Amino acid sequence: MRKIDFDLDGRRATSWGRDDHYCTSALINSPICLFYAGEPPHGDSYHELIIDSKTIRGFIWSGYLLWSPCGRYFTCDWLEGMGGYRVGAAWCFTQTLRGTIVVEPKHLRYRVLHYRTSIQDGDGSDDNAEEALWKVLLDPSRGSWENFAPAAPRGASAAVT
């Protein structure tokens, strides 16, 4: 399992995936584990997110990972699942829902915004852009919080291989 490296301010990671990873926060006692679940052809990997044997609905899509300035929340790309069926040697994907997830690890809760929004859309150097992003992500009118659920035993994932 590899530790995710963050930039100098300790808040942004942009290059991780295709392996089991973990990261930590000063606000929680347990690591945030991102277990490799699979990857579609020509796509990035997706991962199960587990904290204290609890998990979220769906998967984390590898790529950016951004902590809020207060350190209470992180956000990244989210994926509902990788449904589909096999025709011979080819895997045919069914509809895949992607969005953005905001996680509050200390309280084991999260919310999914069913559209993608990211600081990655800009160059990330504008503090006002990041402030605006967090304002959108934490806006109470954008959806309700969900609680983590017990995680299935490792290896019992419904991931596509």
Protein backbone atom coordinates (compact mmCIF):
# COMPACT_ATOMS: atom_id res chain seq x y z
CA MET A 1 0.00 0.00 0.00
CA ARG A 2 1.44 3.37 -1.03
CA LYS A 3 1.12 6.65 0.80
CA ILE A 4 -0.40 9.47 -1.27
CA ASP A 5 1.97 12.42 -1.47
CA PHE A 6 0.53 15.91 -1.24
CA ASP A 7 1.98 19.20 -2.45
CA LEU A 8 3.83 21.64 -0.21
CA ASP A 9 0.72 22.95 1.51
CA GLY A 10 -0.36 19.36 2.21
CA ARG A 11 -3.73 19.69 0.52
CA ARG A 12 -3.50 18.64 -3.13
CA ALA A 13 -2.53 15.28 -4.65
CA THR A 14 -2.78 14.78 -8.38
CA SER A 15 -0.88 11.65 -9.31
CA TRP A 16 -2.05 8.44 -7.72
CA GLY A 17 -3.89 5.32 -8.86
CA ARG A 18 -3.55 1.77 -10.14
CA ASP A 19 -2.53 0.46 -6.70
CA ASP A 20 -3.74 0.43 -3.10
CA HIS A 21 -3.13 3.81 -1.44
CA TYR A 22 -3.70 5.57 1.86
CA CYS A 23 -3.52 9.08 3.25
CA THR A 24 -3.94 10.57 6.68
CA SER A 25 -5.39 13.66 8.28
CA ALA A 26 -4.46 15.33 11.55
CA LEU A 27 -8.18 15.40 12.40
CA ILE A 28 -8.79 11.63 12.40
CA ASN A 29 -6.99 8.69 14.00
CA SER A 30 -7.39 6.20 11.17
CA PRO A 31 -5.91 6.26 7.67
CA ILE A 32 -8.11 6.83 4.65
CA CYS A 33 -7.59 3.69 2.57
CA LEU A 34 -8.18 3.65 -1.18
CA PHE A 35 -8.12 0.04 -2.36
CA TYR A 36 -7.68 -0.62 -6.08
CA ALA A 37 -10.93 -2.03 -7.49
CA GLY A 38 -10.23 -1.97 -11.24
CA GLU A 39 -10.02 0.19 -14.31
CA PRO A 40 -11.86 0.37 -17.61
CA PRO A 41 -9.98 0.02 -20.90
CA HIS A 42 -8.10 3.28 -21.58
CA GLY A 43 -9.30 4.80 -18.32
CA ASP A 44 -8.04 5.70 -14.88
CA SER A 45 -8.34 3.30 -11.97
CA TYR A 46 -11.16 3.38 -9.46
CA HIS A 47 -10.90 2.54 -5.77
CA GLU A 48 -12.93 1.53 -2.73
CA LEU A 49 -12.69 4.16 0.02
CA ILE A 50 -12.50 2.63 3.51
CA ILE A 51 -12.05 4.32 6.90
CA ASP A 52 -12.36 2.24 10.09
CA SER A 53 -13.99 -0.68 8.20
CA LYS A 54 -16.66 1.70 6.83
CA THR A 55 -17.16 2.67 3.20
CA ILE A 56 -19.09 4.85 0.79
CA ARG A 57 -21.55 4.07 -1.97
CA GLY A 58 -19.64 3.82 -5.25
CA PHE A 59 -15.95 4.36 -5.88
CA ILE A 60 -13.28 7.03 -5.87
CA TRP A 61 -11.95 7.74 -9.38
CA SER A 62 -8.19 8.27 -9.34
CA GLY A 63 -6.82 11.67 -10.18
CA TYR A 64 -6.96 14.76 -8.03
CA LEU A 65 -7.59 14.68 -4.29
CA LEU A 66 -8.04 18.01 -2.54
CA TRP A 67 -8.34 18.81 1.18
CA SER A 68 -10.34 21.85 2.25
CA PRO A 69 -8.36 24.72 3.81
CA CYS A 70 -9.82 23.80 7.24
CA GLY A 71 -8.77 20.15 6.81
CA ARG A 72 -12.23 18.77 7.63
CA TYR A 73 -13.22 17.71 4.11
CA PHE A 74 -11.70 16.29 0.98
CA THR A 75 -13.05 16.09 -2.53
CA CYS A 76 -12.28 14.06 -5.63
CA ASP A 77 -14.00 12.41 -8.58
CA TRP A 78 -16.63 9.77 -7.78
CA LEU A 79 -18.03 6.85 -9.75
CA GLU A 80 -21.27 4.99 -9.05
CA GLY A 81 -20.03 1.69 -10.46
CA MET A 82 -18.74 -0.09 -13.49
CA GLY A 83 -21.73 -2.09 -14.65
CA GLY A 84 -21.79 -4.01 -17.86
CA TYR A 85 -21.67 -7.39 -19.51
CA ARG A 86 -19.23 -9.46 -21.52
CA VAL A 87 -19.66 -10.29 -25.21
CA GLY A 88 -16.89 -12.74 -26.03
CA ALA A 89 -13.63 -11.10 -24.98
CA ALA A 90 -15.09 -7.57 -24.97
CA TRP A 91 -16.59 -5.87 -21.93
CA CYS A 92 -19.62 -3.72 -22.82
CA PHE A 93 -20.22 -0.98 -20.28
CA THR A 94 -23.70 0.01 -19.20
CA GLN A 95 -24.45 3.51 -18.02
CA THR A 96 -21.83 4.75 -15.57
CA LEU A 97 -22.68 7.67 -13.30
CA ARG A 98 -19.81 10.00 -12.39
CA GLY A 99 -19.75 13.03 -10.16
CA THR A 100 -17.86 14.73 -7.37
CA ILE A 101 -17.71 13.51 -3.80
CA VAL A 102 -17.10 15.50 -0.63
CA VAL A 103 -16.01 13.41 2.37
CA GLU A 104 -15.93 14.41 6.03
CA PRO A 105 -13.72 11.61 7.45
CA LYS A 106 -14.03 12.56 11.12
CA HIS A 107 -17.80 12.03 11.06
CA LEU A 108 -17.76 9.24 8.44
CA ARG A 109 -20.17 11.01 6.14
CA TYR A 110 -20.12 12.11 2.51
CA ARG A 111 -22.20 13.70 -0.18
CA VAL A 112 -22.21 13.17 -3.91
CA LEU A 113 -22.79 15.98 -6.36
CA HIS A 114 -24.06 14.40 -9.54
CA TYR A 115 -21.94 16.55 -11.77
CA ARG A 116 -18.23 16.95 -11.95
CA THR A 117 -16.71 20.05 -10.46
CA SER A 118 -13.07 20.45 -9.70
CA ILE A 119 -10.32 22.92 -9.06
CA GLN A 120 -8.66 20.99 -11.89
CA ASP A 121 -10.92 22.88 -14.29
CA GLY A 122 -8.59 25.87 -13.81
CA ASP A 123 -4.90 25.97 -13.14
CA GLY A 124 -5.53 25.77 -9.39
CA SER A 125 -3.39 28.79 -8.63
CA ASP A 126 -6.22 31.18 -7.87
CA ASP A 127 -7.22 31.10 -4.20
CA ASN A 128 -10.56 32.68 -5.16
CA ALA A 129 -11.28 29.75 -7.49
CA GLU A 130 -10.63 27.27 -4.70
CA GLU A 131 -12.77 29.27 -2.26
CA ALA A 132 -15.59 29.32 -4.84
CA LEU A 133 -15.22 25.56 -5.36
CA TRP A 134 -15.58 24.82 -1.64
CA LYS A 135 -18.55 27.18 -1.42
CA VAL A 136 -20.31 25.09 -4.09
CA LEU A 137 -19.25 21.74 -2.61
CA LEU A 138 -20.45 22.60 0.90
CA ASP A 139 -23.64 24.46 -0.12
CA PRO A 140 -26.45 22.72 1.85
CA SER A 141 -28.88 23.08 -1.06
CA ARG A 142 -26.70 20.85 -3.26
CA GLY A 143 -27.68 17.59 -1.58
CA SER A 144 -27.83 15.72 1.67
CA TRP A 145 -25.07 13.95 3.56
CA GLU A 146 -24.92 10.15 3.66
CA ASN A 147 -23.30 8.05 6.36
CA PHE A 148 -20.60 5.51 5.65
CA ALA A 149 -21.77 1.89 5.76
CA PRO A 150 -19.96 -1.27 6.89
CA ALA A 151 -17.44 -2.34 4.28
CA ALA A 152 -17.59 -5.77 2.68
CA PRO A 153 -14.67 -8.04 3.48
CA ARG A 154 -11.68 -7.24 1.26
CA GLY A 155 -11.82 -9.07 -2.03
CA ALA A 156 -15.63 -9.10 -2.10
CA SER A 157 -15.80 -6.01 -4.33
CA ALA A 158 -18.12 -5.93 -7.32
CA ALA A 159 -15.34 -4.43 -9.40
CA VAL A 160 -14.86 -5.27 -13.06
CA THR A 161 -11.69 -7.20 -13.82
